[in-house]
Amino acid sequence: MPRVKIGSVRPLKPPDAAHRLLCSLNVIVGIADKMREAWVLNGFIPRWEAERKTLQSLKTALSFDPTREAERLRAAKPSDLRHPKRVLSELTAADAGRQACCWLETPLDELRQRGAGTGLAKFLDELRNRLAPLIAR
């Protein structure tokens, strides 16, 4: 059995500035309901006629609007009609730049409204309530 010397433990040093700063950091983590694609779909607004037709076709096939009720997309297999990845890929032609426009260009109020069921609205509210005051300092 190893022997432990009594009194060999050094006292803790007072925290330095870097340690105090690290301990004062606030962390905000956002986790999309089901998949991140649901949040991107919440921000999809058709730009041209081809996108409008694709969205209308999906609304008919799904019996709901996937941009306003993305939480209802719950398929397990990516090939299934109700899989968020498949729906987003179809609406944006799998274009990452077009997908980025969904959260960069859609007004926050609209994202909040559409994202109530996916957790996006709650995440945006947390950012507004917790992060914005930190940035304003």
Protein backbone atom coordinates (compact mmCIF):
# COMPACT_ATOMS: atom_id res chain seq x y z
CA MET A 1 0.00 0.00 0.00
CA PRO A 2 1.49 3.37 -0.99
CA ARG A 3 2.29 5.75 1.80
CA VAL A 4 0.93 9.26 1.74
CA LYS A 5 2.92 12.00 3.39
CA ILE A 6 0.84 14.20 5.59
CA GLY A 7 1.41 17.83 4.77
CA SER A 8 2.64 17.16 1.24
CA VAL A 9 -0.38 18.85 -0.33
CA ARG A 10 0.36 22.38 -1.45
CA PRO A 11 -2.19 25.09 -0.69
CA LEU A 12 -4.24 26.35 -3.61
CA LYS A 13 -3.04 29.52 -5.24
CA PRO A 14 -5.49 32.39 -5.52
CA PRO A 15 -7.10 32.40 -8.97
CA ASP A 16 -5.35 34.50 -11.56
CA ALA A 17 -7.11 36.84 -13.98
CA ALA A 18 -7.37 34.17 -16.70
CA HIS A 19 -8.98 31.71 -14.28
CA ARG A 20 -11.46 34.33 -13.05
CA LEU A 21 -12.35 35.21 -16.65
CA LEU A 22 -12.84 31.57 -17.57
CA CYS A 23 -15.10 31.00 -14.55
CA SER A 24 -17.20 34.02 -15.48
CA LEU A 25 -17.95 32.84 -19.02
CA ASN A 26 -21.51 32.05 -19.98
CA VAL A 27 -22.10 29.26 -22.46
CA ILE A 28 -25.18 28.98 -24.63
CA VAL A 29 -25.75 25.69 -26.38
CA GLY A 30 -28.41 25.22 -29.01
CA ILE A 31 -29.67 21.81 -29.96
CA ALA A 32 -32.17 21.55 -32.76
CA ASP A 33 -35.21 19.38 -32.22
CA LYS A 34 -34.50 16.12 -34.02
CA MET A 35 -31.99 17.58 -36.50
CA ARG A 36 -30.51 20.92 -37.41
CA GLU A 37 -32.38 20.72 -40.70
CA ALA A 38 -35.62 21.44 -38.85
CA TRP A 39 -34.23 24.84 -37.81
CA VAL A 40 -33.06 25.57 -41.35
CA LEU A 41 -36.48 24.62 -42.71
CA ASN A 42 -38.06 27.10 -40.27
CA GLY A 43 -36.25 29.84 -42.17
CA PHE A 44 -36.92 28.67 -45.71
CA ILE A 45 -38.80 31.23 -47.80
CA PRO A 46 -39.13 30.44 -51.51
CA ARG A 47 -37.21 32.89 -53.68
CA TRP A 48 -38.37 31.96 -57.15
CA GLU A 49 -41.08 30.03 -58.89
CA ALA A 50 -39.26 26.67 -58.94
CA GLU A 51 -38.88 26.80 -55.15
CA ARG A 52 -42.54 27.79 -54.72
CA LYS A 53 -43.61 24.81 -56.84
CA THR A 54 -41.35 22.42 -54.92
CA LEU A 55 -42.70 23.68 -51.60
CA GLN A 56 -46.29 23.37 -52.81
CA SER A 57 -45.61 19.83 -54.01
CA LEU A 58 -44.14 18.91 -50.61
CA LYS A 59 -47.07 20.51 -48.77
CA THR A 60 -49.45 18.38 -50.82
CA ALA A 61 -47.47 15.18 -50.32
CA LEU A 62 -46.96 15.76 -46.57
CA SER A 63 -50.38 17.33 -45.87
CA PHE A 64 -48.65 20.16 -43.97
CA ASP A 65 -46.14 22.96 -44.59
CA PRO A 66 -42.67 21.66 -43.59
CA THR A 67 -41.34 25.21 -43.19
CA ARG A 68 -43.97 26.06 -40.56
CA GLU A 69 -44.26 22.64 -38.91
CA ALA A 70 -40.79 21.12 -39.30
CA GLU A 71 -41.24 19.32 -35.97
CA ARG A 72 -43.65 16.97 -37.75
CA LEU A 73 -40.84 15.60 -39.93
CA ARG A 74 -40.02 12.45 -37.97
CA ALA A 75 -38.93 9.75 -40.41
CA ALA A 76 -36.09 7.42 -39.44
CA LYS A 77 -34.70 6.69 -42.91
CA PRO A 78 -33.25 9.55 -45.01
CA SER A 79 -35.11 8.24 -48.05
CA ASP A 80 -38.52 8.64 -46.34
CA LEU A 81 -40.72 11.53 -47.42
CA ARG A 82 -40.95 12.89 -43.85
CA HIS A 83 -37.20 12.98 -43.20
CA PRO A 84 -35.94 16.55 -42.49
CA LYS A 85 -32.70 16.06 -44.43
CA ARG A 86 -34.60 14.89 -47.51
CA VAL A 87 -37.12 17.74 -47.38
CA LEU A 88 -34.43 20.39 -46.90
CA SER A 89 -32.33 18.92 -49.68
CA GLU A 90 -35.30 18.94 -52.02
CA LEU A 91 -36.26 22.55 -51.22
CA THR A 92 -32.72 23.93 -51.51
CA ALA A 93 -31.38 21.61 -54.21
CA ALA A 94 -28.82 20.48 -51.59
CA ASP A 95 -27.12 23.88 -51.90
CA ALA A 96 -25.34 24.81 -48.63
CA GLY A 97 -25.32 28.49 -49.61
CA ARG A 98 -29.07 28.47 -50.16
CA GLN A 99 -29.53 26.75 -46.81
CA ALA A 100 -27.43 29.41 -45.08
CA CYS A 101 -29.79 32.06 -46.48
CA CYS A 102 -32.59 30.41 -44.51
CA TRP A 103 -31.17 31.62 -41.20
CA LEU A 104 -29.20 34.63 -42.41
CA GLU A 105 -31.96 36.41 -44.33
CA THR A 106 -35.20 35.37 -42.63
CA PRO A 107 -36.34 37.96 -40.05
CA LEU A 108 -35.85 36.83 -36.43
CA ASP A 109 -39.52 37.34 -35.60
CA GLU A 110 -40.46 34.96 -38.39
CA LEU A 111 -37.87 32.40 -37.25
CA ARG A 112 -39.28 32.64 -33.71
CA GLN A 113 -42.84 32.14 -34.92
CA ARG A 114 -42.04 29.22 -37.21
CA GLY A 115 -39.59 27.65 -34.77
CA ALA A 116 -41.93 27.33 -31.78
CA GLY A 117 -42.26 23.57 -32.23
CA THR A 118 -38.62 22.81 -33.06
CA GLY A 119 -36.99 24.60 -30.13
CA LEU A 120 -35.62 27.36 -32.36
CA ALA A 121 -37.83 30.04 -30.78
CA LYS A 122 -36.67 29.09 -27.30
CA PHE A 123 -33.03 29.15 -28.41
CA LEU A 124 -33.41 32.58 -30.01
CA ASP A 125 -35.07 33.87 -26.84
CA GLU A 126 -32.17 32.55 -24.76
CA LEU A 127 -29.71 34.31 -27.05
CA ARG A 128 -31.65 37.54 -26.72
CA ASN A 129 -31.98 37.28 -22.95
CA ARG A 130 -28.53 35.95 -22.06
CA LEU A 131 -26.08 36.74 -24.84
CA ALA A 132 -27.24 40.18 -25.94
CA PRO A 133 -26.68 41.72 -22.46
CA LEU A 134 -23.15 40.28 -22.38
CA ILE A 135 -22.33 41.79 -25.77
CA ALA A 136 -23.82 45.14 -24.77
CA ARG A 137 -21.38 45.50 -21.87
